[in-house]
Amino acid sequence: MGATGTPIVCGGVIVRSGDLIVADDDGVAVIPQDRVDEVIERVNAIIEKERRIAEAVRAGAHIADLIGMSEAIAAASASK
C-alpha cells in the first residue's frame, strides 16, 4: 500500500506535500512551498512589466522597441 505525505514524481518533477500546483491552458507549474514568496514577487514584477508594455503599445510604441528586439529584427530582415 502507498504512503501519504511523501514526495512523488509527476512528469519528471518532484512534488512534495505543501507544494503549490498552478495550471492553466498553457500548462502546469509546481511551486515548492519554500519558494512561494519568491515566485509571487517575480510574478508580480512580470505582471507590472507586461502592464507597462501594453500601455506603451496602446500609446503607439512598437513592441519590438519596448522589448529590445528592433536591431535583431532589422538585421534578420536585411539578411533576407
Protein backbone atom coordinates (compact mmCIF):
# COMPACT_ATOMS: atom_id res chain seq x y z
CA MET A 1 0.00 0.00 0.00
CA GLY A 2 1.17 3.56 -0.71
CA ALA A 3 2.20 6.19 1.79
CA THR A 4 0.86 9.70 2.27
CA GLY A 5 2.90 12.87 2.69
CA THR A 6 5.86 11.52 0.75
CA PRO A 7 7.31 13.14 -2.40
CA ILE A 8 6.14 11.86 -5.77
CA VAL A 9 7.42 12.38 -9.29
CA CYS A 10 4.90 13.62 -11.84
CA GLY A 11 6.02 14.40 -15.38
CA GLY A 12 9.63 14.26 -14.24
CA VAL A 13 9.07 16.86 -11.50
CA ILE A 14 9.30 16.13 -7.79
CA VAL A 15 6.13 17.21 -5.97
CA ARG A 16 6.18 17.39 -2.19
CA SER A 17 3.40 17.79 0.32
CA GLY A 18 2.69 21.52 0.67
CA ASP A 19 3.87 22.49 -2.81
CA LEU A 20 1.53 24.66 -4.84
CA ILE A 21 0.26 23.44 -8.18
CA VAL A 22 -0.76 26.14 -10.67
CA ALA A 23 -2.34 25.23 -14.01
CA ASP A 24 -3.90 27.00 -16.97
CA ASP A 25 -4.38 26.42 -20.69
CA ASP A 26 -0.61 26.74 -21.23
CA GLY A 27 0.50 24.12 -18.75
CA VAL A 28 1.17 23.21 -15.14
CA ALA A 29 3.76 24.54 -12.69
CA VAL A 30 4.84 23.15 -9.35
CA ILE A 31 5.94 25.81 -6.88
CA PRO A 32 7.94 24.44 -3.97
CA GLN A 33 6.47 25.57 -0.67
CA ASP A 34 9.74 27.22 0.39
CA ARG A 35 9.84 29.39 -2.79
CA VAL A 36 6.24 30.66 -2.86
CA ASP A 37 7.13 34.20 -1.70
CA GLU A 38 9.95 34.48 -4.26
CA VAL A 39 7.70 33.25 -7.07
CA ILE A 40 4.93 35.68 -6.10
CA GLU A 41 7.42 38.58 -6.20
CA ARG A 42 8.67 37.53 -9.64
CA VAL A 43 5.15 37.04 -11.00
CA ASN A 44 4.09 40.46 -9.75
CA ALA A 45 7.15 42.04 -11.40
CA ILE A 46 6.31 40.31 -14.70
CA ILE A 47 2.68 41.42 -14.49
CA GLU A 48 3.77 45.03 -13.92
CA LYS A 49 6.28 44.93 -16.79
CA GLU A 50 3.63 43.49 -19.14
CA ARG A 51 1.17 46.18 -17.99
CA ARG A 52 3.69 48.93 -18.82
CA ILE A 53 4.44 47.39 -22.23
CA ALA A 54 0.73 47.08 -23.06
CA GLU A 55 0.16 50.69 -22.02
CA ALA A 56 3.05 51.87 -24.21
CA VAL A 57 1.77 49.86 -27.19
CA ARG A 58 -1.67 51.40 -26.77
CA ALA A 59 0.06 54.80 -26.82
CA GLY A 60 1.69 53.94 -30.16
CA ALA A 61 5.04 52.39 -29.27
CA HIS A 62 6.31 49.40 -31.24
CA ILE A 63 6.62 46.26 -29.15
CA ALA A 64 9.96 45.36 -30.75
CA ASP A 65 11.40 48.63 -29.43
CA LEU A 66 9.99 48.02 -25.97
CA ILE A 67 11.48 44.55 -25.62
CA GLY A 68 14.83 45.43 -27.19
CA MET A 69 14.38 43.44 -30.40
CA SER A 70 14.35 46.21 -33.03
CA GLU A 71 18.00 45.76 -34.02
CA ALA A 72 17.74 41.96 -34.22
CA ILE A 73 14.61 42.18 -36.37
CA ALA A 74 16.22 44.76 -38.65
CA ALA A 75 19.34 42.59 -39.01
CA ALA A 76 17.29 39.49 -39.78
CA SER A 77 15.24 41.39 -42.36
CA ALA A 78 18.35 42.81 -44.00
CA SER A 79 19.92 39.36 -44.41
CA LYS A 80 16.99 38.01 -46.44
